[in-house]
Protein backbone atom coordinates (compact mmCIF):
# COMPACT_ATOMS: atom_id res chain seq x y z
CA UNK A 1 0.00 0.00 0.00
CA UNK A 2 2.95 2.37 0.27
CA UNK A 3 6.47 2.96 1.47
CA UNK A 4 7.67 3.98 4.93
CA UNK A 5 10.80 6.16 4.87
CA UNK A 6 12.66 6.21 8.19
CA UNK A 7 15.07 9.15 8.44
CA UNK A 8 17.89 9.23 10.98
CA UNK A 9 20.24 12.21 11.23
CA UNK A 10 23.95 11.32 11.44
CA UNK A 11 25.46 14.79 11.00
CA UNK A 12 27.45 14.77 14.23
CA UNK A 13 28.74 11.28 13.52
CA UNK A 14 29.93 12.25 10.04
CA UNK A 15 31.54 15.48 11.25
CA UNK A 16 33.19 13.70 14.18
CA UNK A 17 34.70 10.97 11.99
CA UNK A 18 35.84 13.51 9.41
CA UNK A 19 37.56 15.69 11.99
CA UNK A 20 39.12 12.74 13.79
CA UNK A 21 40.58 11.60 10.48
CA UNK A 22 42.06 15.06 9.91
CA UNK A 23 43.63 15.18 13.38
CA UNK A 24 44.98 11.66 12.95
CA UNK A 25 46.56 12.55 9.60
CA UNK A 26 48.08 15.72 11.02
CA UNK A 27 49.52 13.79 13.97
CA UNK A 28 50.95 11.08 11.71
CA UNK A 29 52.44 13.46 9.15
CA UNK A 30 53.98 15.73 11.78
CA UNK A 31 56.83 13.24 12.11
CA UNK A 32 57.87 14.12 8.54
CA UNK A 33 58.87 17.65 9.56
CA UNK A 34 62.50 18.38 10.39
CA UNK A 35 62.20 22.17 10.76
CA UNK A 36 59.63 24.69 11.99
CA UNK A 37 58.88 25.71 8.40
CA UNK A 38 58.54 22.05 7.49
CA UNK A 39 56.01 21.53 10.28
CA UNK A 40 53.99 24.48 9.02
ModelCIF file with pLDDT and N, C-alpha, C, O atoms, coordinates in Angstrom:
data_MODEL
#
_entry.id   MODEL 
#
_entity.id                         1 
_entity.type                       polymer 
_entity.pdbx_number_of_molecules   1 
#
_entity_poly.entity_id                      1 
_entity_poly.type                           'polypeptide(L)' 
_entity_poly.nstd_linkage                   no 
_entity_poly.nstd_monomer                   no 
_entity_poly.pdbx_seq_one_letter_code       
;(UNK)(UNK)(UNK)(UNK)(UNK)(UNK)(UNK)(UNK)(UNK)(UNK)(UNK)(UNK)(UNK)(UNK)(UNK)(UNK)
(UNK)(UNK)(UNK)(UNK)(UNK)(UNK)(UNK)(UNK)(UNK)(UNK)(UNK)(UNK)(UNK)(UNK)(UNK)(UNK)
(UNK)(UNK)(UNK)(UNK)(UNK)(UNK)(UNK)(UNK)
;
_entity_poly.pdbx_seq_one_letter_code_can   XXXXXXXXXXXXXXXXXXXXXXXXXXXXXXXXXXXXXXXX 
_entity_poly.pdbx_strand_id                 A 
#
loop_
_entity_poly_seq.entity_id 
_entity_poly_seq.num 
_entity_poly_seq.mon_id 
_entity_poly_seq.hetero 
1 1  UNK n 
1 2  UNK n 
1 3  UNK n 
1 4  UNK n 
1 5  UNK n 
1 6  UNK n 
1 7  UNK n 
1 8  UNK n 
1 9  UNK n 
1 10 UNK n 
1 11 UNK n 
1 12 UNK n 
1 13 UNK n 
1 14 UNK n 
1 15 UNK n 
1 16 UNK n 
1 17 UNK n 
1 18 UNK n 
1 19 UNK n 
1 20 UNK n 
1 21 UNK n 
1 22 UNK n 
1 23 UNK n 
1 24 UNK n 
1 25 UNK n 
1 26 UNK n 
1 27 UNK n 
1 28 UNK n 
1 29 UNK n 
1 30 UNK n 
1 31 UNK n 
1 32 UNK n 
1 33 UNK n 
1 34 UNK n 
1 35 UNK n 
1 36 UNK n 
1 37 UNK n 
1 38 UNK n 
1 39 UNK n 
1 40 UNK n 
#
_struct_asym.id          A 
_struct_asym.entity_id   1 
#
loop_
_ma_qa_metric.id 
_ma_qa_metric.mode 
_ma_qa_metric.name 
_ma_qa_metric.software_group_id 
_ma_qa_metric.type 
1 global pLDDT . pLDDT 
2 local  pLDDT . pLDDT 
#
_ma_qa_metric_global.metric_id      1 
_ma_qa_metric_global.metric_value   93.65 
_ma_qa_metric_global.model_id       1 
_ma_qa_metric_global.ordinal_id     1 
#
loop_
_ma_qa_metric_local.label_asym_id 
_ma_qa_metric_local.label_comp_id 
_ma_qa_metric_local.label_seq_id 
_ma_qa_metric_local.metric_id 
_ma_qa_metric_local.metric_value 
_ma_qa_metric_local.model_id 
_ma_qa_metric_local.ordinal_id 
A UNK 1  2 94.00 1 1  
A UNK 2  2 95.00 1 2  
A UNK 3  2 96.00 1 3  
A UNK 4  2 97.00 1 4  
A UNK 5  2 96.00 1 5  
A UNK 6  2 97.00 1 6  
A UNK 7  2 96.00 1 7  
A UNK 8  2 97.00 1 8  
A UNK 9  2 97.00 1 9  
A UNK 10 2 97.00 1 10 
A UNK 11 2 97.00 1 11 
A UNK 12 2 96.00 1 12 
A UNK 13 2 96.00 1 13 
A UNK 14 2 97.00 1 14 
A UNK 15 2 97.00 1 15 
A UNK 16 2 96.00 1 16 
A UNK 17 2 96.00 1 17 
A UNK 18 2 96.00 1 18 
A UNK 19 2 96.00 1 19 
A UNK 20 2 96.00 1 20 
A UNK 21 2 96.00 1 21 
A UNK 22 2 95.00 1 22 
A UNK 23 2 94.00 1 23 
A UNK 24 2 95.00 1 24 
A UNK 25 2 94.00 1 25 
A UNK 26 2 92.00 1 26 
A UNK 27 2 91.00 1 27 
A UNK 28 2 91.00 1 28 
A UNK 29 2 90.00 1 29 
A UNK 30 2 86.00 1 30 
A UNK 31 2 86.00 1 31 
A UNK 32 2 86.00 1 32 
A UNK 33 2 87.00 1 33 
A UNK 34 2 90.00 1 34 
A UNK 35 2 91.00 1 35 
A UNK 36 2 90.00 1 36 
A UNK 37 2 90.00 1 37 
A UNK 38 2 92.00 1 38 
A UNK 39 2 92.00 1 39 
A UNK 40 2 93.00 1 40 
#
loop_
_atom_site.group_PDB 
_atom_site.id 
_atom_site.type_symbol 
_atom_site.label_atom_id 
_atom_site.label_alt_id 
_atom_site.label_comp_id 
_atom_site.label_asym_id 
_atom_site.label_entity_id 
_atom_site.label_seq_id 
_atom_site.pdbx_PDB_ins_code 
_atom_site.Cartn_x 
_atom_site.Cartn_y 
_atom_site.Cartn_z 
_atom_site.occupancy 
_atom_site.B_iso_or_equiv 
_atom_site.pdbx_formal_charge 
_atom_site.auth_seq_id 
_atom_site.auth_comp_id 
_atom_site.auth_asym_id 
_atom_site.auth_atom_id 
_atom_site.pdbx_PDB_model_num 
ATOM 1   N N  . UNK A 1 1  ? 0.787  -1.227 0.000  1.00 94.00 ? 1  UNK A N  1 
ATOM 2   C CA . UNK A 1 1  ? 0.000  0.000  0.000  1.00 94.00 ? 1  UNK A CA 1 
ATOM 3   C C  . UNK A 1 1  ? 0.819  1.277  0.000  1.00 94.00 ? 1  UNK A C  1 
ATOM 4   O O  . UNK A 1 1  ? 0.275  2.357  -0.230 1.00 94.00 ? 1  UNK A O  1 
ATOM 5   N N  . UNK A 1 2  ? 2.113  1.175  0.253  1.00 95.00 ? 2  UNK A N  1 
ATOM 6   C CA . UNK A 1 2  ? 2.946  2.368  0.268  1.00 95.00 ? 2  UNK A CA 1 
ATOM 7   C C  . UNK A 1 2  ? 4.351  2.059  0.729  1.00 95.00 ? 2  UNK A C  1 
ATOM 8   O O  . UNK A 1 2  ? 4.753  0.898  0.809  1.00 95.00 ? 2  UNK A O  1 
ATOM 9   N N  . UNK A 1 3  ? 5.084  3.094  1.029  1.00 96.00 ? 3  UNK A N  1 
ATOM 10  C CA . UNK A 1 3  ? 6.469  2.956  1.471  1.00 96.00 ? 3  UNK A CA 1 
ATOM 11  C C  . UNK A 1 3  ? 6.677  3.818  2.716  1.00 96.00 ? 3  UNK A C  1 
ATOM 12  O O  . UNK A 1 3  ? 6.270  4.980  2.754  1.00 96.00 ? 3  UNK A O  1 
ATOM 13  N N  . UNK A 1 4  ? 7.308  3.242  3.720  1.00 97.00 ? 4  UNK A N  1 
ATOM 14  C CA . UNK A 1 4  ? 7.668  3.979  4.927  1.00 97.00 ? 4  UNK A CA 1 
ATOM 15  C C  . UNK A 1 4  ? 9.138  4.360  4.835  1.00 97.00 ? 4  UNK A C  1 
ATOM 16  O O  . UNK A 1 4  ? 10.004 3.491  4.725  1.00 97.00 ? 4  UNK A O  1 
ATOM 17  N N  . UNK A 1 5  ? 9.422  5.670  4.880  1.00 96.00 ? 5  UNK A N  1 
ATOM 18  C CA . UNK A 1 5  ? 10.800 6.159  4.866  1.00 96.00 ? 5  UNK A CA 1 
ATOM 19  C C  . UNK A 1 5  ? 11.183 6.567  6.283  1.00 96.00 ? 5  UNK A C  1 
ATOM 20  O O  . UNK A 1 5  ? 10.581 7.478  6.852  1.00 96.00 ? 5  UNK A O  1 
ATOM 21  N N  . UNK A 1 6  ? 12.173 5.901  6.849  1.00 97.00 ? 6  UNK A N  1 
ATOM 22  C CA . UNK A 1 6  ? 12.659 6.207  8.190  1.00 97.00 ? 6  UNK A CA 1 
ATOM 23  C C  . UNK A 1 6  ? 13.957 7.003  8.070  1.00 97.00 ? 6  UNK A C  1 
ATOM 24  O O  . UNK A 1 6  ? 14.947 6.520  7.520  1.00 97.00 ? 6  UNK A O  1 
ATOM 25  N N  . UNK A 1 7  ? 13.937 8.228  8.594  1.00 96.00 ? 7  UNK A N  1 
ATOM 26  C CA . UNK A 1 7  ? 15.069 9.146  8.436  1.00 96.00 ? 7  UNK A CA 1 
ATOM 27  C C  . UNK A 1 7  ? 15.780 9.324  9.775  1.00 96.00 ? 7  UNK A C  1 
ATOM 28  O O  . UNK A 1 7  ? 15.156 9.635  10.789 1.00 96.00 ? 7  UNK A O  1 
ATOM 29  N N  . UNK A 1 8  ? 17.091 9.120  9.757  1.00 97.00 ? 8  UNK A N  1 
ATOM 30  C CA . UNK A 1 8  ? 17.892 9.234  10.978 1.00 97.00 ? 8  UNK A CA 1 
ATOM 31  C C  . UNK A 1 8  ? 19.062 10.166 10.693 1.00 97.00 ? 8  UNK A C  1 
ATOM 32  O O  . UNK A 1 8  ? 19.867 9.907  9.799  1.00 97.00 ? 8  UNK A O  1 
ATOM 33  N N  . UNK A 1 9  ? 19.154 11.263 11.465 1.00 97.00 ? 9  UNK A N  1 
ATOM 34  C CA . UNK A 1 9  ? 20.241 12.214 11.230 1.00 97.00 ? 9  UNK A CA 1 
ATOM 35  C C  . UNK A 1 9  ? 21.557 11.691 11.809 1.00 97.00 ? 9  UNK A C  1 
ATOM 36  O O  . UNK A 1 9  ? 21.602 11.216 12.943 1.00 97.00 ? 9  UNK A O  1 
ATOM 37  N N  . UNK A 1 10 ? 22.622 11.786 11.016 1.00 97.00 ? 10 UNK A N  1 
ATOM 38  C CA . UNK A 1 10 ? 23.945 11.317 11.442 1.00 97.00 ? 10 UNK A CA 1 
ATOM 39  C C  . UNK A 1 10 ? 24.994 12.422 11.257 1.00 97.00 ? 10 UNK A C  1 
ATOM 40  O O  . UNK A 1 10 ? 26.184 12.139 11.113 1.00 97.00 ? 10 UNK A O  1 
ATOM 41  N N  . UNK A 1 11 ? 24.543 13.679 11.262 1.00 97.00 ? 11 UNK A N  1 
ATOM 42  C CA . UNK A 1 11 ? 25.459 14.792 11.000 1.00 97.00 ? 11 UNK A CA 1 
ATOM 43  C C  . UNK A 1 11 ? 26.640 14.802 11.960 1.00 97.00 ? 11 UNK A C  1 
ATOM 44  O O  . UNK A 1 11 ? 27.789 14.894 11.528 1.00 97.00 ? 11 UNK A O  1 
ATOM 45  N N  . UNK A 1 12 ? 26.368 14.710 13.256 1.00 96.00 ? 12 UNK A N  1 
ATOM 46  C CA . UNK A 1 12 ? 27.455 14.773 14.235 1.00 96.00 ? 12 UNK A CA 1 
ATOM 47  C C  . UNK A 1 12 ? 28.410 13.604 14.088 1.00 96.00 ? 12 UNK A C  1 
ATOM 48  O O  . UNK A 1 12 ? 29.614 13.757 14.294 1.00 96.00 ? 12 UNK A O  1 
ATOM 49  N N  . UNK A 1 13 ? 27.891 12.446 13.736 1.00 96.00 ? 13 UNK A N  1 
ATOM 50  C CA . UNK A 1 13 ? 28.742 11.276 13.524 1.00 96.00 ? 13 UNK A CA 1 
ATOM 51  C C  . UNK A 1 13 ? 29.670 11.501 12.338 1.00 96.00 ? 13 UNK A C  1 
ATOM 52  O O  . UNK A 1 13 ? 30.865 11.220 12.421 1.00 96.00 ? 13 UNK A O  1 
ATOM 53  N N  . UNK A 1 14 ? 29.124 12.006 11.237 1.00 97.00 ? 14 UNK A N  1 
ATOM 54  C CA . UNK A 1 14 ? 29.930 12.248 10.037 1.00 97.00 ? 14 UNK A CA 1 
ATOM 55  C C  . UNK A 1 14 ? 30.993 13.312 10.307 1.00 97.00 ? 14 UNK A C  1 
ATOM 56  O O  . UNK A 1 14 ? 32.154 13.144 9.937  1.00 97.00 ? 14 UNK A O  1 
ATOM 57  N N  . UNK A 1 15 ? 30.587 14.410 10.957 1.00 97.00 ? 15 UNK A N  1 
ATOM 58  C CA . UNK A 1 15 ? 31.543 15.481 11.253 1.00 97.00 ? 15 UNK A CA 1 
ATOM 59  C C  . UNK A 1 15 ? 32.632 14.983 12.200 1.00 97.00 ? 15 UNK A C  1 
ATOM 60  O O  . UNK A 1 15 ? 33.811 15.290 12.026 1.00 97.00 ? 15 UNK A O  1 
ATOM 61  N N  . UNK A 1 16 ? 32.217 14.206 13.209 1.00 96.00 ? 16 UNK A N  1 
ATOM 62  C CA . UNK A 1 16 ? 33.190 13.698 14.177 1.00 96.00 ? 16 UNK A CA 1 
ATOM 63  C C  . UNK A 1 16 ? 34.218 12.790 13.528 1.00 96.00 ? 16 UNK A C  1 
ATOM 64  O O  . UNK A 1 16 ? 35.412 12.910 13.804 1.00 96.00 ? 16 UNK A O  1 
ATOM 65  N N  . UNK A 1 17 ? 33.773 11.882 12.668 1.00 96.00 ? 17 UNK A N  1 
ATOM 66  C CA . UNK A 1 17 ? 34.700 10.970 11.992 1.00 96.00 ? 17 UNK A CA 1 
ATOM 67  C C  . UNK A 1 17 ? 35.608 11.735 11.040 1.00 96.00 ? 17 UNK A C  1 
ATOM 68  O O  . UNK A 1 17 ? 36.797 11.434 10.931 1.00 96.00 ? 17 UNK A O  1 
ATOM 69  N N  . UNK A 1 18 ? 35.051 12.717 10.354 1.00 96.00 ? 18 UNK A N  1 
ATOM 70  C CA . UNK A 1 18 ? 35.842 13.514 9.412  1.00 96.00 ? 18 UNK A CA 1 
ATOM 71  C C  . UNK A 1 18 ? 36.937 14.297 10.141 1.00 96.00 ? 18 UNK A C  1 
ATOM 72  O O  . UNK A 1 18 ? 38.081 14.343 9.689  1.00 96.00 ? 18 UNK A O  1 
ATOM 73  N N  . UNK A 1 19 ? 36.586 14.898 11.244 1.00 96.00 ? 19 UNK A N  1 
ATOM 74  C CA . UNK A 1 19 ? 37.556 15.694 11.991 1.00 96.00 ? 19 UNK A CA 1 
ATOM 75  C C  . UNK A 1 19 ? 38.596 14.814 12.683 1.00 96.00 ? 19 UNK A C  1 
ATOM 76  O O  . UNK A 1 19 ? 39.769 15.178 12.764 1.00 96.00 ? 19 UNK A O  1 
ATOM 77  N N  . UNK A 1 20 ? 38.165 13.671 13.174 1.00 96.00 ? 20 UNK A N  1 
ATOM 78  C CA . UNK A 1 20 ? 39.117 12.742 13.787 1.00 96.00 ? 20 UNK A CA 1 
ATOM 79  C C  . UNK A 1 20 ? 40.135 12.267 12.765 1.00 96.00 ? 20 UNK A C  1 
ATOM 80  O O  . UNK A 1 20 ? 41.319 12.129 13.073 1.00 96.00 ? 20 UNK A O  1 
ATOM 81  N N  . UNK A 1 21 ? 39.668 12.017 11.547 1.00 96.00 ? 21 UNK A N  1 
ATOM 82  C CA . UNK A 1 21 ? 40.576 11.601 10.481 1.00 96.00 ? 21 UNK A CA 1 
ATOM 83  C C  . UNK A 1 21 ? 41.593 12.692 10.173 1.00 96.00 ? 21 UNK A C  1 
ATOM 84  O O  . UNK A 1 21 ? 42.764 12.398 9.933  1.00 96.00 ? 21 UNK A O  1 
ATOM 85  N N  . UNK A 1 22 ? 41.153 13.952 10.177 1.00 95.00 ? 22 UNK A N  1 
ATOM 86  C CA . UNK A 1 22 ? 42.062 15.065 9.910  1.00 95.00 ? 22 UNK A CA 1 
ATOM 87  C C  . UNK A 1 22 ? 43.117 15.190 11.002 1.00 95.00 ? 22 UNK A C  1 
ATOM 88  O O  . UNK A 1 22 ? 44.297 15.383 10.710 1.00 95.00 ? 22 UNK A O  1 
ATOM 89  N N  . UNK A 1 23 ? 42.692 15.081 12.262 1.00 94.00 ? 23 UNK A N  1 
ATOM 90  C CA . UNK A 1 23 ? 43.627 15.180 13.385 1.00 94.00 ? 23 UNK A CA 1 
ATOM 91  C C  . UNK A 1 23 ? 44.615 14.020 13.357 1.00 94.00 ? 23 UNK A C  1 
ATOM 92  O O  . UNK A 1 23 ? 45.801 14.196 13.639 1.00 94.00 ? 23 UNK A O  1 
ATOM 93  N N  . UNK A 1 24 ? 44.120 12.836 13.016 1.00 95.00 ? 24 UNK A N  1 
ATOM 94  C CA . UNK A 1 24 ? 44.984 11.660 12.949 1.00 95.00 ? 24 UNK A CA 1 
ATOM 95  C C  . UNK A 1 24 ? 46.047 11.833 11.857 1.00 95.00 ? 24 UNK A C  1 
ATOM 96  O O  . UNK A 1 24 ? 47.218 11.513 12.060 1.00 95.00 ? 24 UNK A O  1 
ATOM 97  N N  . UNK A 1 25 ? 45.615 12.346 10.690 1.00 94.00 ? 25 UNK A N  1 
ATOM 98  C CA . UNK A 1 25 ? 46.565 12.551 9.598  1.00 94.00 ? 25 UNK A CA 1 
ATOM 99  C C  . UNK A 1 25 ? 47.600 13.602 9.974  1.00 94.00 ? 25 UNK A C  1 
ATOM 100 O O  . UNK A 1 25 ? 48.786 13.448 9.682  1.00 94.00 ? 25 UNK A O  1 
ATOM 101 N N  . UNK A 1 26 ? 47.150 14.660 10.616 1.00 92.00 ? 26 UNK A N  1 
ATOM 102 C CA . UNK A 1 26 ? 48.075 15.718 11.024 1.00 92.00 ? 26 UNK A CA 1 
ATOM 103 C C  . UNK A 1 26 ? 49.094 15.180 12.023 1.00 92.00 ? 26 UNK A C  1 
ATOM 104 O O  . UNK A 1 26 ? 50.281 15.497 11.939 1.00 92.00 ? 26 UNK A O  1 
ATOM 105 N N  . UNK A 1 27 ? 48.629 14.368 12.968 1.00 91.00 ? 27 UNK A N  1 
ATOM 106 C CA . UNK A 1 27 ? 49.525 13.786 13.970 1.00 91.00 ? 27 UNK A CA 1 
ATOM 107 C C  . UNK A 1 27 ? 50.529 12.853 13.310 1.00 91.00 ? 27 UNK A C  1 
ATOM 108 O O  . UNK A 1 27 ? 51.712 12.869 13.648 1.00 91.00 ? 27 UNK A O  1 
ATOM 109 N N  . UNK A 1 28 ? 50.060 12.042 12.371 1.00 91.00 ? 28 UNK A N  1 
ATOM 110 C CA . UNK A 1 28 ? 50.946 11.082 11.706 1.00 91.00 ? 28 UNK A CA 1 
ATOM 111 C C  . UNK A 1 28 ? 51.983 11.786 10.847 1.00 91.00 ? 28 UNK A C  1 
ATOM 112 O O  . UNK A 1 28 ? 53.162 11.432 10.872 1.00 91.00 ? 28 UNK A O  1 
ATOM 113 N N  . UNK A 1 29 ? 51.545 12.787 10.085 1.00 90.00 ? 29 UNK A N  1 
ATOM 114 C CA . UNK A 1 29 ? 52.444 13.461 9.155  1.00 90.00 ? 29 UNK A CA 1 
ATOM 115 C C  . UNK A 1 29 ? 53.402 14.421 9.850  1.00 90.00 ? 29 UNK A C  1 
ATOM 116 O O  . UNK A 1 29 ? 54.405 14.828 9.264  1.00 90.00 ? 29 UNK A O  1 
ATOM 117 N N  . UNK A 1 30 ? 53.101 14.783 11.091 1.00 86.00 ? 30 UNK A N  1 
ATOM 118 C CA . UNK A 1 30 ? 53.981 15.735 11.784 1.00 86.00 ? 30 UNK A CA 1 
ATOM 119 C C  . UNK A 1 30 ? 55.387 15.180 11.966 1.00 86.00 ? 30 UNK A C  1 
ATOM 120 O O  . UNK A 1 30 ? 56.343 15.941 12.118 1.00 86.00 ? 30 UNK A O  1 
ATOM 121 N N  . UNK A 1 31 ? 55.517 13.842 11.952 1.00 86.00 ? 31 UNK A N  1 
ATOM 122 C CA . UNK A 1 31 ? 56.834 13.237 12.109 1.00 86.00 ? 31 UNK A CA 1 
ATOM 123 C C  . UNK A 1 31 ? 57.708 13.451 10.878 1.00 86.00 ? 31 UNK A C  1 
ATOM 124 O O  . UNK A 1 31 ? 58.921 13.252 10.939 1.00 86.00 ? 31 UNK A O  1 
ATOM 125 N N  . UNK A 1 32 ? 57.100 13.858 9.753  1.00 86.00 ? 32 UNK A N  1 
ATOM 126 C CA . UNK A 1 32 ? 57.868 14.121 8.539  1.00 86.00 ? 32 UNK A CA 1 
ATOM 127 C C  . UNK A 1 32 ? 58.699 15.395 8.667  1.00 86.00 ? 32 UNK A C  1 
ATOM 128 O O  . UNK A 1 32 ? 59.740 15.527 8.022  1.00 86.00 ? 32 UNK A O  1 
ATOM 129 N N  . UNK A 1 33 ? 58.246 16.326 9.491  1.00 87.00 ? 33 UNK A N  1 
ATOM 130 C CA . UNK A 1 33 ? 58.871 17.647 9.559  1.00 87.00 ? 33 UNK A CA 1 
ATOM 131 C C  . UNK A 1 33 ? 60.194 17.606 10.308 1.00 87.00 ? 33 UNK A C  1 
ATOM 132 O O  . UNK A 1 33 ? 60.306 16.976 11.360 1.00 87.00 ? 33 UNK A O  1 
ATOM 133 N N  . UNK A 1 34 ? 61.190 18.281 9.759  1.00 90.00 ? 34 UNK A N  1 
ATOM 134 C CA . UNK A 1 34 ? 62.504 18.382 10.394 1.00 90.00 ? 34 UNK A CA 1 
ATOM 135 C C  . UNK A 1 34 ? 62.805 19.804 10.863 1.00 90.00 ? 34 UNK A C  1 
ATOM 136 O O  . UNK A 1 34 ? 63.743 20.028 11.629 1.00 90.00 ? 34 UNK A O  1 
ATOM 137 N N  . UNK A 1 35 ? 61.999 20.764 10.395 1.00 91.00 ? 35 UNK A N  1 
ATOM 138 C CA . UNK A 1 35 ? 62.195 22.166 10.759 1.00 91.00 ? 35 UNK A CA 1 
ATOM 139 C C  . UNK A 1 35 ? 60.842 22.780 11.108 1.00 91.00 ? 35 UNK A C  1 
ATOM 140 O O  . UNK A 1 35 ? 59.797 22.176 10.867 1.00 91.00 ? 35 UNK A O  1 
ATOM 141 N N  . UNK A 1 36 ? 60.869 23.979 11.676 1.00 90.00 ? 36 UNK A N  1 
ATOM 142 C CA . UNK A 1 36 ? 59.625 24.691 11.993 1.00 90.00 ? 36 UNK A CA 1 
ATOM 143 C C  . UNK A 1 36 ? 58.845 24.969 10.714 1.00 90.00 ? 36 UNK A C  1 
ATOM 144 O O  . UNK A 1 36 ? 57.634 24.758 10.659 1.00 90.00 ? 36 UNK A O  1 
ATOM 145 N N  . UNK A 1 37 ? 59.544 25.442 9.686  1.00 90.00 ? 37 UNK A N  1 
ATOM 146 C CA . UNK A 1 37 ? 58.881 25.713 8.404  1.00 90.00 ? 37 UNK A CA 1 
ATOM 147 C C  . UNK A 1 37 ? 58.302 24.424 7.830  1.00 90.00 ? 37 UNK A C  1 
ATOM 148 O O  . UNK A 1 37 ? 57.207 24.429 7.268  1.00 90.00 ? 37 UNK A O  1 
ATOM 149 N N  . UNK A 1 38 ? 59.031 23.327 7.971  1.00 92.00 ? 38 UNK A N  1 
ATOM 150 C CA . UNK A 1 38 ? 58.537 22.047 7.485  1.00 92.00 ? 38 UNK A CA 1 
ATOM 151 C C  . UNK A 1 38 ? 57.267 21.624 8.205  1.00 92.00 ? 38 UNK A C  1 
ATOM 152 O O  . UNK A 1 38 ? 56.350 21.084 7.586  1.00 92.00 ? 38 UNK A O  1 
ATOM 153 N N  . UNK A 1 39 ? 57.208 21.867 9.504  1.00 92.00 ? 39 UNK A N  1 
ATOM 154 C CA . UNK A 1 39 ? 56.011 21.531 10.278 1.00 92.00 ? 39 UNK A CA 1 
ATOM 155 C C  . UNK A 1 39 ? 54.815 22.351 9.810  1.00 92.00 ? 39 UNK A C  1 
ATOM 156 O O  . UNK A 1 39 ? 53.699 21.840 9.715  1.00 92.00 ? 39 UNK A O  1 
ATOM 157 N N  . UNK A 1 40 ? 55.058 23.624 9.520  1.00 93.00 ? 40 UNK A N  1 
ATOM 158 C CA . UNK A 1 40 ? 53.988 24.485 9.017  1.00 93.00 ? 40 UNK A CA 1 
ATOM 159 C C  . UNK A 1 40 ? 53.496 24.004 7.652  1.00 93.00 ? 40 UNK A C  1 
ATOM 160 O O  . UNK A 1 40 ? 52.594 24.609 7.072  1.00 93.00 ? 40 UNK A O  1 
#
